[in-house]
Amino acid sequence: MKVVHYQQVPAQPVDMPGAVGCLVRCLIGPDDGAPSFTMRLFEVAPGGNTPRHSHGYEHEVF
């Protein structure tokens, strides 16, 4: 089981055209033995946003 404070996971800029002031941390994913699930934490600065979009699969955002 992975136990880590979220701030120990490096934050990366959201790589999406139109995303402004957003960072993402991959808390659980393939590198942690989860090949079909990814838990991400998004940090959105005041005035930040991502463009309207949708996904053809289930996903979770923390």
Protein backbone atom coordinates (compact mmCIF):
# COMPACT_ATOMS: atom_id res chain seq x y z
CA MET A 1 0.00 0.00 0.00
CA LYS A 2 1.31 3.43 -0.92
CA VAL A 3 1.40 5.93 1.93
CA VAL A 4 2.66 9.40 1.06
CA HIS A 5 1.68 12.98 1.79
CA TYR A 6 0.29 14.48 -1.41
CA GLN A 7 2.78 17.35 -1.26
CA GLN A 8 5.61 14.82 -1.66
CA VAL A 9 4.28 13.99 -5.14
CA PRO A 10 5.65 16.42 -7.75
CA ALA A 11 3.11 18.81 -9.26
CA GLN A 12 3.14 19.28 -13.03
CA PRO A 13 1.37 21.90 -15.15
CA VAL A 14 -1.83 20.55 -16.72
CA ASP A 15 -0.90 19.71 -20.32
CA MET A 16 -4.11 20.70 -22.11
CA PRO A 17 -4.64 23.54 -24.57
CA GLY A 18 -6.53 26.30 -22.78
CA ALA A 19 -5.64 25.19 -19.24
CA VAL A 20 -4.59 28.18 -17.13
CA GLY A 21 -3.26 28.15 -13.57
CA CYS A 22 -3.70 24.39 -13.05
CA LEU A 23 -1.31 21.84 -11.60
CA VAL A 24 -1.82 18.08 -11.33
CA ARG A 25 -0.27 15.45 -9.07
CA CYS A 26 -0.54 11.76 -9.98
CA LEU A 27 -1.16 10.22 -6.54
CA ILE A 28 -1.78 6.64 -7.71
CA GLY A 29 -1.18 5.28 -11.20
CA PRO A 30 0.61 2.69 -13.32
CA ASP A 31 3.95 3.28 -11.56
CA ASP A 32 2.22 2.25 -8.32
CA GLY A 33 0.81 -1.01 -9.69
CA ALA A 34 -2.55 0.42 -10.79
CA PRO A 35 -2.60 -0.29 -14.56
CA SER A 36 -6.22 0.74 -15.14
CA PHE A 37 -6.79 3.45 -12.53
CA THR A 38 -5.21 6.83 -11.88
CA MET A 39 -5.98 9.08 -8.92
CA ARG A 40 -4.96 12.68 -9.56
CA LEU A 41 -5.08 15.79 -7.43
CA PHE A 42 -5.68 19.02 -9.32
CA GLU A 43 -4.72 22.40 -7.90
CA VAL A 44 -6.47 25.35 -9.52
CA ALA A 45 -5.18 28.84 -8.75
CA PRO A 46 -7.63 31.72 -8.32
CA GLY A 47 -8.81 32.59 -11.83
CA GLY A 48 -7.45 29.30 -13.20
CA ASN A 49 -9.46 26.83 -15.25
CA THR A 50 -9.43 23.99 -17.74
CA PRO A 51 -11.50 24.20 -20.90
CA ARG A 52 -14.80 22.34 -21.08
CA HIS A 53 -14.12 18.76 -22.13
CA SER A 54 -15.36 15.21 -21.64
CA HIS A 55 -13.95 11.72 -21.38
CA GLY A 56 -15.13 8.46 -22.93
CA TYR A 57 -14.24 6.61 -19.74
CA GLU A 58 -14.87 6.84 -16.02
CA HIS A 59 -12.41 8.91 -14.05
CA GLU A 60 -11.99 10.34 -10.61
CA VAL A 61 -10.59 13.68 -9.49
CA PHE A 62 -9.57 14.40 -5.90
